[in-house]
Structures are given as structure tokens and as C-alpha cells.
Amino acid sequence: MTDLNQTLFDRARQVIPGGVNSPVRAFRAVGGTPRFVKRSQGAYFWDANDKRYIDYIGSWGPMILGHGHPAVVEAVQKAVLEGFSYGAPTEREIELVEALLKLMPSMDMVRLVSSGTEAGMSALRLARGATGRSKFIKFEGCYHGHADALLVKAGSGLATFGNPTSAGVPPEVVQHTLVLEYNNIAQLEEAFALHGKELACLMIEPIAGNMNFVRASVPFMKRCRELCTQHGALLVFDEVMTGCRVALGSAQSVYAQSIPGFEPDVTVLGKVIGGGMPLAAFGGKRAVMEQLAPLGPVYQAGTLSGNPVATACGLATLKEISKPGFFDALSARTQSLVDGLTGAAAKAGVPFSADCQGGMFGFFLLPELPQNYAKVMTSDSPKFNQLFHGLLDKGVYIAPALYEAGFVSGAHTADDISATVQAAAEVFASL
């Protein structure tokens, strides 16, 4: 039987670099042939060979309701009939922003954009413009999009700044980017002592999803907030992945439960707020946001920003996940998956640790949860590749890379979780 996935991949590689339009889709980390999706519904998608998979990627997070939720489809269909794009304001943009402000009171104003990368780079520019400073802190293992200044790995020491991680990024572009170790309070304090007066912002994923699932400890996050306040730097929360995914009020609401009065200065959002459409945002306090054009000197623009079809999709999604009990049920289902996988690994004697929050989860082939990127890198990559392909063969689709978080949707059933755990148990037994 002809493998249509392979046929499509061969064809794609002739006209698309690497055969994919985003690198992780190429299966380079795990080997094998990418699955080309033919259709999706609920918690599943079907590949070019019509094989069904339980989907734990969900478009890398946005599909919190599952694929093809009736209320979302209806909203999008109605919006399409009214027009694809206008290049002019719409009431729906206001409605979406008002909905976000209710969920995240740390923001007074929001600017809509079309991608997480665009939101991240715009938030950085805004922080620099609002403070009049150039330098900023990010953390190794945190991904904030592929803007030049953010594609950086750690330098050789604390006093040195980062090095580009991509060809085409000149060293001078990242000379103001200071890269620190995630969850390292001593290093954080030393960085502010050395550079505090020059720092525009500290940008962080509160739960890092691009080194799988690593959460910032409460003491670490508390110190981030204190030092930013003390030195006049803005605390920028990149919640592209965690926004309305780990909790209705996003990760910032989770930290506020442990840190009285906690809130970031600027929040970067994407994925769930667009419901699967290309839509993202960044927002903050009024005094900061009013630095943006046309009110202030910080320029940012976008032809498709606030697209009427995307805002319809996002609004419908936010309405559904705001219903009473949704997040309780989603969190319980995700926890049951994590517990089941942990038990299956233990029974097979496979080193394993896992964590979750809301509808986001991650696991490591390590006996303890790692707290930073260096520790994540010690995970057993060959064994993960065996696990990935074993699950794929059994119709379970997880991220095709060791360093990516996973996502559960409201469409996943108890039977889906049970089937996933059973499949994992069988693969663990063979490792």
C-alpha cells in the first residue's frame, strides 16, 4: 500500500524548504515521515492514509475545545459571509479585547496582531520605547518567537550577552540581550545588580512550553517581580502558550494565588485567544500602552490585525471556555492523563516525571522534573524517539520533539485518555 504521507512529503520537499512551513513539523528530531493532516474533528485528526490519531498537539495549543467545535464553526461561517478582511476597525475587535481585559485585569489596553512572534517583538519594542532603555533579560529555553533579538542562546558567562542561534542574525543585533538560567535566583539578582539601570524589561514564559513543560518556581517569579519593580524594568509575561490554557485567567492568575498582588506589566497572548485562527495580542497598563502609535512614538502596525474572521473564532472560543465547570473538567482530564502515564512508566521501570496545569502538560524521561534547560537536555532522546514512534503506530499523536509541551482539549474523553495510557504502557514495556 502506498504511503500517501511519504508521497506528499516528497512532493513538498521539492517546493517548500524541508517540506514544511514550520521546522518542528518535519520530524527531524525523531526521524520518519511527517503526518499530513487530511481532516480533524473533536480530539482526533486523520492523516493522508485516513489513519486516525488522538491529537495531543491541538495546533500547538489553540484547539482547547477540540477541532470543529459547533459554536466556533457557526461563528466563523457567519463572519466569513460578512467579509474576510476590511483594513478598517470593527466592533468585534473591541468585544474581543474587552473579553480579554475581564479575564486578565493586569491589562488596561490591548493591541491585536496576527502571530505570537509579532506580539513578542512588539512587546519588546514597546518596553524599550516606554523605558528609554535597550537591554533586556530572557531565559534559556524560553521561546518568544523568531524575531532577531529573541533568537539567542546563553553567553559564556553572566556578564556577557547572548549569541545568535540562527544564521542571518548579526551579533550586534543581540548585543543587548542578556540570557539567564531559568529558575536561578542568584543569577537573576546578580544580573540586576550589574545591569539594572539599563534593563528595559525581563521577558519570561511563566510555564515554559518549548523545553517541554517547566514552570517558574513561585520564589523565582516573586523575585522577578520585585527586581523589575525595584529597577524600573517591565515584567513581560509571554503567555502565547499559557494564555487561557493553563487557567481561564492564564498563568498570571495561577501565580497571583501564591504571590499577593502579583501581576505582570505587559502580557503577550496568542493561540487560544484566536481559537486556531492567526491571531495574537499584547497588552498592559494604560500608561505603557499609550506609548504605541498613533498615540505615542513606538510604531507598530499590521494589515490583518484584528481580522474579522479570526476575532469571531477567538470570541466564540473564549465564550465556550468561560462557561462554569469547563476548566475544572479540563484540568481533571489532563491530570488523569499525567497520572496514567506516570503509573504506566513506573510499572515498566522507565524513569519518568510529569507535570500539568489546566489543559497543558509535559513529561520527561527523567526521575525528577527539571527546573532549567540544561537539565532538560539530559533527558533520554533516543528513548523518547522510540516512545514517540511507538505511540504514533498506535494512533496517539504527541509532539515530534522531546522539548515540546502537550495539550488536552475539552473534546478528549475518558476513553481517549484510557486508550492513550494503554498505548503508552505497551510502549514503555518495550523500552
Protein backbone atom coordinates (compact mmCIF):
# COMPACT_ATOMS: atom_id res chain seq x y z
CA MET A 1 0.00 0.00 0.00
CA THR A 2 1.31 3.44 -0.96
CA ASP A 3 2.12 5.72 1.97
CA LEU A 4 0.44 8.95 0.94
CA ASN A 5 2.19 10.83 3.76
CA GLN A 6 5.54 9.94 2.18
CA THR A 7 4.26 10.84 -1.29
CA LEU A 8 3.14 14.27 -0.08
CA PHE A 9 6.37 14.82 1.84
CA ASP A 10 8.47 14.01 -1.22
CA ARG A 11 6.38 16.42 -3.24
CA ALA A 12 6.55 19.14 -0.58
CA ARG A 13 10.33 18.96 -0.32
CA GLN A 14 10.59 19.99 -3.97
CA VAL A 15 8.85 23.30 -3.39
CA ILE A 16 8.95 24.06 0.39
CA PRO A 17 12.22 24.21 2.37
CA GLY A 18 12.42 20.94 4.28
CA GLY A 19 8.94 20.10 3.06
CA VAL A 20 7.31 22.03 5.91
CA ASN A 21 6.33 25.58 6.78
CA SER A 22 7.49 25.34 10.40
CA PRO A 23 10.62 23.32 11.28
CA VAL A 24 9.30 21.06 14.06
CA ARG A 25 6.72 19.56 11.70
CA ALA A 26 9.47 17.89 9.68
CA PHE A 27 10.10 15.08 12.24
CA ARG A 28 13.83 15.87 12.02
CA ALA A 29 14.23 15.35 15.77
CA VAL A 30 12.53 11.95 15.85
CA GLY A 31 13.07 10.64 12.33
CA GLY A 32 10.46 9.27 9.97
CA THR A 33 7.81 10.85 7.81
CA PRO A 34 5.54 13.69 8.94
CA ARG A 35 1.83 13.00 9.03
CA PHE A 36 -0.06 15.18 6.56
CA VAL A 37 -3.44 16.00 8.07
CA LYS A 38 -6.47 15.41 5.88
CA ARG A 39 -9.23 16.38 8.32
CA SER A 40 -9.95 16.72 12.02
CA GLN A 41 -12.85 16.56 14.44
CA GLY A 42 -13.04 16.72 18.19
CA ALA A 43 -9.96 15.14 19.78
CA TYR A 44 -8.82 13.47 16.55
CA PHE A 45 -7.28 14.05 13.17
CA TRP A 46 -6.87 11.76 10.19
CA ASP A 47 -3.74 11.63 8.05
CA ALA A 48 -3.38 11.28 4.29
CA ASN A 49 -3.75 7.48 4.66
CA ASP A 50 -7.01 8.01 6.61
CA LYS A 51 -5.43 6.73 9.83
CA ARG A 52 -6.97 8.31 12.95
CA TYR A 53 -4.86 9.76 15.77
CA ILE A 54 -5.74 11.02 19.23
CA ASP A 55 -4.32 14.53 18.98
CA TYR A 56 -2.31 15.94 21.89
CA ILE A 57 -0.88 18.87 19.93
CA GLY A 58 -4.11 20.65 19.01
CA SER A 59 -2.33 23.00 16.60
CA TRP A 60 0.30 23.52 19.34
CA GLY A 61 -2.27 24.71 21.86
CA PRO A 62 -5.09 26.75 20.30
CA MET A 63 -7.64 23.95 19.94
CA ILE A 64 -8.70 23.95 23.58
CA LEU A 65 -12.25 22.98 22.58
CA GLY A 66 -11.06 20.34 20.15
CA HIS A 67 -11.36 20.52 16.39
CA GLY A 68 -14.53 21.78 14.74
CA HIS A 69 -16.50 22.82 17.83
CA PRO A 70 -20.03 23.60 16.56
CA ALA A 71 -20.33 27.03 18.22
CA VAL A 72 -16.96 28.13 16.86
CA VAL A 73 -17.68 26.82 13.37
CA GLU A 74 -21.00 28.66 13.35
CA ALA A 75 -19.37 31.93 14.41
CA VAL A 76 -16.66 31.63 11.75
CA GLN A 77 -19.15 30.77 9.00
CA LYS A 78 -21.24 33.80 9.86
CA ALA A 79 -18.18 36.06 9.90
CA VAL A 80 -16.96 34.76 6.53
CA LEU A 81 -20.25 35.72 4.93
CA GLU A 82 -19.79 39.27 6.20
CA GLY A 83 -16.32 39.64 4.68
CA PHE A 84 -12.77 38.28 5.04
CA SER A 85 -10.92 41.48 5.85
CA TYR A 86 -11.53 45.23 5.72
CA GLY A 87 -8.40 47.08 6.77
CA ALA A 88 -10.71 49.15 8.96
CA PRO A 89 -11.92 48.83 12.57
CA THR A 90 -14.75 46.52 13.60
CA GLU A 91 -16.87 46.20 16.74
CA ARG A 92 -15.74 42.60 17.14
CA GLU A 93 -12.17 43.75 17.81
CA ILE A 94 -13.44 45.78 20.75
CA GLU A 95 -15.52 42.87 22.03
CA LEU A 96 -12.54 40.50 21.94
CA VAL A 97 -10.29 42.97 23.76
CA GLU A 98 -12.98 43.65 26.37
CA ALA A 99 -13.28 39.90 26.95
CA LEU A 100 -9.51 39.62 27.45
CA LEU A 101 -9.44 42.55 29.88
CA LYS A 102 -12.09 40.86 32.04
CA LEU A 103 -10.02 37.68 32.20
CA MET A 104 -6.69 39.43 32.86
CA PRO A 105 -7.10 42.59 34.96
CA SER A 106 -3.34 43.25 34.77
CA MET A 107 -4.09 44.85 31.39
CA ASP A 108 -5.89 48.14 30.74
CA MET A 109 -5.41 48.16 26.98
CA VAL A 110 -4.61 45.58 24.29
CA ARG A 111 -3.30 45.72 20.73
CA LEU A 112 -4.30 42.85 18.43
CA VAL A 113 -1.79 41.35 15.97
CA SER A 114 -1.61 38.21 13.85
CA SER A 115 1.08 35.95 15.38
CA GLY A 116 2.89 35.24 18.60
CA THR A 117 6.21 36.29 17.05
CA GLU A 118 4.68 39.64 16.08
CA ALA A 119 3.25 40.10 19.57
CA GLY A 120 6.54 39.22 21.27
CA MET A 121 8.71 41.50 19.17
CA SER A 122 6.19 44.34 19.52
CA ALA A 123 6.09 43.94 23.30
CA LEU A 124 9.89 44.16 23.41
CA ARG A 125 9.90 47.29 21.26
CA LEU A 126 7.21 48.81 23.47
CA ALA A 127 9.19 48.06 26.63
CA ARG A 128 12.27 49.67 25.17
CA GLY A 129 10.31 52.69 24.00
CA ALA A 130 8.44 53.13 27.27
CA THR A 131 11.59 52.92 29.42
CA GLY A 132 14.12 54.51 27.10
CA ARG A 133 16.43 51.53 27.72
CA SER A 134 17.92 48.96 25.34
CA LYS A 135 18.97 45.89 27.31
CA PHE A 136 16.62 43.13 28.40
CA ILE A 137 16.64 39.73 30.08
CA LYS A 138 15.34 36.46 28.68
CA PHE A 139 15.87 32.89 29.85
CA GLU A 140 17.48 29.95 28.13
CA GLY A 141 14.82 27.51 27.00
CA CYS A 142 12.11 30.16 26.69
CA TYR A 143 10.92 30.86 23.15
CA HIS A 144 9.36 34.21 22.30
CA GLY A 145 9.06 33.90 18.53
CA HIS A 146 11.67 34.21 15.81
CA ALA A 147 12.36 37.95 15.95
CA ASP A 148 16.11 38.57 15.64
CA ALA A 149 16.74 39.95 19.14
CA LEU A 150 14.95 36.96 20.69
CA LEU A 151 16.75 34.17 18.82
CA VAL A 152 19.53 33.97 21.35
CA LYS A 153 21.32 31.34 23.41
CA ALA A 154 23.18 31.93 26.64
CA GLY A 155 26.54 33.67 26.55
CA SER A 156 29.69 32.22 28.09
CA GLY A 157 29.16 33.95 31.40
CA LEU A 158 26.77 36.12 33.34
CA ALA A 159 28.40 39.41 32.38
CA THR A 160 28.32 38.56 28.69
CA PHE A 161 25.31 38.84 26.46
CA GLY A 162 23.76 36.23 24.24
CA ASN A 163 24.92 34.71 20.97
CA PRO A 164 22.66 34.32 17.90
CA THR A 165 21.07 30.89 17.48
CA SER A 166 20.20 31.45 13.83
CA ALA A 167 22.19 32.33 10.75
CA GLY A 168 21.18 35.75 9.48
CA VAL A 169 21.14 37.32 12.94
CA PRO A 170 24.19 39.62 13.28
CA PRO A 171 25.89 39.56 16.71
CA GLU A 172 25.31 43.28 17.12
CA VAL A 173 21.54 42.71 16.94
CA VAL A 174 21.62 40.61 20.11
CA GLN A 175 24.28 42.56 21.97
CA HIS A 176 21.62 43.93 24.32
CA THR A 177 20.05 40.53 25.07
CA LEU A 178 21.09 39.01 28.40
CA VAL A 179 20.27 35.29 28.65
CA LEU A 180 19.97 33.75 32.11
CA GLU A 181 19.23 30.30 33.52
CA TYR A 182 15.57 29.67 34.27
CA ASN A 183 14.73 29.38 38.00
CA ASN A 184 18.19 30.61 39.09
CA ILE A 185 17.51 33.35 41.67
CA ALA A 186 21.17 34.05 42.48
CA GLN A 187 21.98 34.63 38.82
CA LEU A 188 18.89 36.81 38.42
CA GLU A 189 19.92 39.01 41.33
CA GLU A 190 23.46 39.37 40.03
CA ALA A 191 22.19 40.33 36.57
CA PHE A 192 20.06 43.13 38.00
CA ALA A 193 22.95 44.26 40.20
CA LEU A 194 25.16 44.54 37.12
CA HIS A 195 22.67 45.88 34.55
CA GLY A 196 19.56 47.02 36.43
CA LYS A 197 19.69 50.67 35.32
CA GLU A 198 19.99 49.61 31.66
CA LEU A 199 17.23 46.98 31.55
CA ALA A 200 14.03 47.74 29.68
CA CYS A 201 12.33 44.51 30.62
CA LEU A 202 12.51 40.93 31.75
CA MET A 203 10.65 38.63 29.33
CA ILE A 204 9.64 35.19 30.54
CA GLU A 205 7.38 32.25 29.82
CA PRO A 206 5.84 31.63 33.28
CA ILE A 207 5.48 28.00 32.27
CA ALA A 208 8.00 27.30 29.56
CA GLY A 209 6.49 25.14 26.83
CA ASN A 210 9.44 24.96 24.48
CA MET A 211 11.65 22.97 26.83
CA ASN A 212 8.63 20.71 27.27
CA PHE A 213 6.83 21.81 30.47
CA VAL A 214 8.93 23.65 33.05
CA ARG A 215 7.24 26.05 35.43
CA ALA A 216 8.90 29.01 37.10
CA SER A 217 9.00 28.43 40.85
CA VAL A 218 6.95 30.80 43.00
CA PRO A 219 10.05 32.21 44.79
CA PHE A 220 11.73 32.78 41.41
CA MET A 221 8.70 34.54 39.95
CA LYS A 222 8.28 36.63 43.09
CA ARG A 223 11.89 37.76 42.79
CA CYS A 224 11.43 38.59 39.10
CA ARG A 225 8.55 40.88 40.04
CA GLU A 226 10.44 42.50 42.92
CA LEU A 227 13.59 43.19 40.94
CA CYS A 228 11.72 44.62 37.95
CA THR A 229 9.82 46.97 40.24
CA GLN A 230 12.97 47.95 42.12
CA HIS A 231 14.95 48.76 38.98
CA GLY A 232 12.19 50.24 36.82
CA ALA A 233 12.16 47.40 34.28
CA LEU A 234 8.93 46.00 32.88
CA LEU A 235 7.95 42.39 33.63
CA VAL A 236 6.76 40.93 30.34
CA PHE A 237 4.78 37.68 30.58
CA ASP A 238 4.83 35.65 27.38
CA GLU A 239 1.53 33.80 27.65
CA VAL A 240 1.23 32.88 23.99
CA MET A 241 1.13 29.24 25.06
CA THR A 242 -0.27 29.50 28.60
CA GLY A 243 -2.82 32.25 27.98
CA CYS A 244 -6.36 30.96 28.69
CA ARG A 245 -4.86 27.46 28.51
CA VAL A 246 -3.46 26.72 31.97
CA ALA A 247 -6.33 28.66 33.59
CA LEU A 248 -9.09 30.94 32.39
CA GLY A 249 -7.13 33.88 33.78
CA SER A 250 -3.89 32.47 32.32
CA ALA A 251 -0.66 31.69 34.20
CA GLN A 252 -0.62 35.11 35.85
CA SER A 253 -3.78 34.18 37.75
CA VAL A 254 -2.08 30.99 38.97
CA TYR A 255 0.88 32.94 40.36
CA ALA A 256 -1.42 35.55 41.89
CA GLN A 257 -2.81 32.79 44.13
CA SER A 258 0.61 32.41 45.75
CA ILE A 259 2.03 35.95 45.41
CA PRO A 260 -0.35 38.60 46.80
CA GLY A 261 -0.94 41.43 44.35
CA PHE A 262 1.10 39.77 41.64
CA GLU A 263 0.70 40.91 38.04
CA PRO A 264 2.96 41.46 35.03
CA ASP A 265 3.40 44.86 33.39
CA VAL A 266 2.92 43.56 29.84
CA THR A 267 1.27 40.34 28.66
CA VAL A 268 1.83 38.63 25.30
CA LEU A 269 -1.00 36.38 24.11
CA GLY A 270 -1.77 34.06 21.20
CA LYS A 271 -3.02 30.58 20.33
CA VAL A 272 -6.19 30.02 22.44
CA ILE A 273 -7.40 33.63 22.09
CA GLY A 274 -7.67 33.06 18.34
CA GLY A 275 -9.22 29.61 18.59
CA GLY A 276 -6.94 28.30 15.83
CA MET A 277 -7.01 31.36 13.58
CA PRO A 278 -3.90 33.56 13.11
CA LEU A 279 -4.46 36.00 15.97
CA ALA A 280 -2.33 37.23 18.87
CA ALA A 281 -2.12 40.25 21.15
CA PHE A 282 -0.09 42.18 23.67
CA GLY A 283 -1.41 44.41 26.42
CA GLY A 284 -0.57 46.20 29.62
CA LYS A 285 -1.21 49.24 31.76
CA ARG A 286 -2.63 52.33 30.06
CA ALA A 287 0.48 54.48 30.58
CA VAL A 288 2.63 51.88 28.81
CA MET A 289 0.21 51.03 26.01
CA GLU A 290 -0.37 54.69 25.17
CA GLN A 291 3.26 54.81 24.03
CA LEU A 292 2.07 52.99 20.88
CA ALA A 293 1.30 54.81 17.65
CA PRO A 294 -0.92 56.63 16.87
CA LEU A 295 -0.83 57.98 20.44
CA GLY A 296 2.88 57.63 21.14
CA PRO A 297 6.29 57.26 19.48
CA VAL A 298 6.51 53.43 19.39
CA TYR A 299 5.45 52.27 15.93
CA GLN A 300 3.59 49.02 15.32
CA ALA A 301 1.14 48.17 12.54
CA GLY A 302 -0.42 45.21 10.75
CA THR A 303 -2.66 44.93 7.69
CA LEU A 304 -4.59 41.92 9.00
CA SER A 305 -4.50 42.82 12.72
CA GLY A 306 -7.90 42.21 14.31
CA ASN A 307 -9.06 40.21 11.30
CA PRO A 308 -12.88 39.87 11.47
CA VAL A 309 -12.91 36.10 10.89
CA ALA A 310 -10.14 35.49 13.44
CA THR A 311 -11.81 37.65 16.08
CA ALA A 312 -15.08 35.78 15.56
CA CYS A 313 -13.25 32.50 16.10
CA GLY A 314 -11.48 33.83 19.19
CA LEU A 315 -14.61 35.31 20.74
CA ALA A 316 -16.58 32.10 20.28
CA THR A 317 -13.74 30.10 21.84
CA LEU A 318 -13.45 32.41 24.85
CA LYS A 319 -17.21 32.25 25.38
CA GLU A 320 -17.17 28.45 25.49
CA ILE A 321 -14.18 28.10 27.82
CA SER A 322 -15.66 30.72 30.18
CA LYS A 323 -18.65 28.51 30.93
CA PRO A 324 -18.83 27.24 34.53
CA GLY A 325 -17.01 23.98 35.07
CA PHE A 326 -15.07 23.94 31.80
CA PHE A 327 -11.63 24.39 33.31
CA ASP A 328 -12.35 22.09 36.24
CA ALA A 329 -13.22 19.31 33.83
CA LEU A 330 -10.26 20.08 31.53
CA SER A 331 -7.82 20.13 34.43
CA ALA A 332 -9.15 16.84 35.79
CA ARG A 333 -8.85 15.17 32.40
CA THR A 334 -5.29 16.42 31.94
CA GLN A 335 -4.33 15.28 35.42
CA SER A 336 -5.77 11.84 34.72
CA LEU A 337 -3.58 11.57 31.63
CA VAL A 338 -0.46 12.59 33.55
CA ASP A 339 -1.26 10.21 36.41
CA GLY A 340 -1.92 7.36 34.00
CA LEU A 341 1.33 7.89 32.09
CA THR A 342 3.29 8.15 35.34
CA GLY A 343 1.82 4.91 36.62
CA ALA A 344 2.46 3.10 33.35
CA ALA A 345 6.10 4.22 33.27
CA ALA A 346 6.63 3.20 36.90
CA LYS A 347 5.21 -0.26 36.25
CA ALA A 348 7.63 -0.69 33.34
CA GLY A 349 10.57 0.67 35.34
CA VAL A 350 11.11 3.60 32.97
CA PRO A 351 12.49 6.83 34.53
CA PHE A 352 9.66 9.32 34.14
CA SER A 353 8.38 12.60 35.56
CA ALA A 354 5.44 14.75 34.50
CA ASP A 355 3.58 17.92 35.33
CA CYS A 356 0.47 19.73 34.17
CA GLN A 357 -1.64 22.84 34.66
CA GLY A 358 -5.10 23.30 33.21
CA GLY A 359 -5.05 21.79 29.72
CA MET A 360 -1.27 21.84 29.26
CA PHE A 361 1.11 19.03 30.23
CA GLY A 362 4.62 17.76 29.76
CA PHE A 363 6.73 14.76 30.64
CA PHE A 364 10.40 13.82 30.78
CA LEU A 365 12.24 10.53 30.72
CA LEU A 366 13.96 11.65 33.91
CA PRO A 367 13.32 10.60 37.53
CA GLU A 368 12.69 14.20 38.63
CA LEU A 369 11.17 17.24 36.95
CA PRO A 370 13.90 19.50 35.53
CA GLN A 371 13.99 23.16 36.55
CA ASN A 372 16.01 24.58 33.67
CA TYR A 373 17.07 23.99 30.08
CA ALA A 374 20.42 22.35 30.91
CA LYS A 375 18.65 19.68 32.95
CA VAL A 376 16.00 19.17 30.26
CA MET A 377 18.82 18.43 27.81
CA THR A 378 19.88 15.41 29.89
CA SER A 379 16.65 13.57 29.04
CA ASP A 380 17.00 10.34 27.07
CA SER A 381 16.47 11.47 23.47
CA PRO A 382 16.79 8.06 21.72
CA LYS A 383 14.33 6.52 24.17
CA PHE A 384 11.90 9.40 23.59
CA ASN A 385 12.10 8.80 19.85
CA GLN A 386 11.15 5.15 20.44
CA LEU A 387 8.25 6.27 22.61
CA PHE A 388 7.08 8.79 20.03
CA HIS A 389 7.03 6.29 17.17
CA GLY A 390 5.52 3.59 19.34
CA LEU A 391 2.63 5.86 20.25
CA LEU A 392 2.31 7.07 16.66
CA ASP A 393 1.95 3.49 15.43
CA LYS A 394 -0.83 3.01 17.98
CA GLY A 395 -2.70 6.13 16.85
CA VAL A 396 -1.54 8.58 19.53
CA TYR A 397 0.00 11.84 18.29
CA ILE A 398 2.29 13.74 20.68
CA ALA A 399 4.80 16.43 19.79
CA PRO A 400 7.50 15.11 17.42
CA ALA A 401 10.21 16.61 19.63
CA LEU A 402 11.46 15.99 23.14
CA TYR A 403 11.24 19.67 24.06
CA GLU A 404 7.60 20.48 23.34
CA ALA A 405 4.66 20.53 25.73
CA GLY A 406 1.39 18.71 25.06
CA PHE A 407 -2.23 19.81 25.16
CA VAL A 408 -5.53 18.24 26.17
CA SER A 409 -8.82 19.64 24.86
CA GLY A 410 -12.36 19.70 26.12
CA ALA A 411 -13.14 17.12 23.43
CA HIS A 412 -10.86 14.43 24.89
CA THR A 413 -12.94 11.79 26.64
CA ALA A 414 -12.12 9.41 29.47
CA ASP A 415 -11.92 6.67 26.83
CA ASP A 416 -9.34 8.68 24.88
CA ILE A 417 -7.23 9.04 28.00
CA SER A 418 -7.54 5.33 28.81
CA ALA A 419 -6.57 4.36 25.26
CA THR A 420 -3.57 6.68 25.40
CA VAL A 421 -2.37 5.29 28.73
CA GLN A 422 -2.81 1.72 27.50
CA ALA A 423 -0.82 2.50 24.35
CA ALA A 424 1.91 4.14 26.44
CA ALA A 425 2.04 1.17 28.80
CA GLU A 426 2.67 -1.16 25.89
CA VAL A 427 5.42 1.07 24.50
CA PHE A 428 7.04 1.58 27.92
CA ALA A 429 7.22 -2.18 28.33
CA SER A 430 9.31 -2.38 25.15
CA LEU A 431 11.78 0.39 26.05
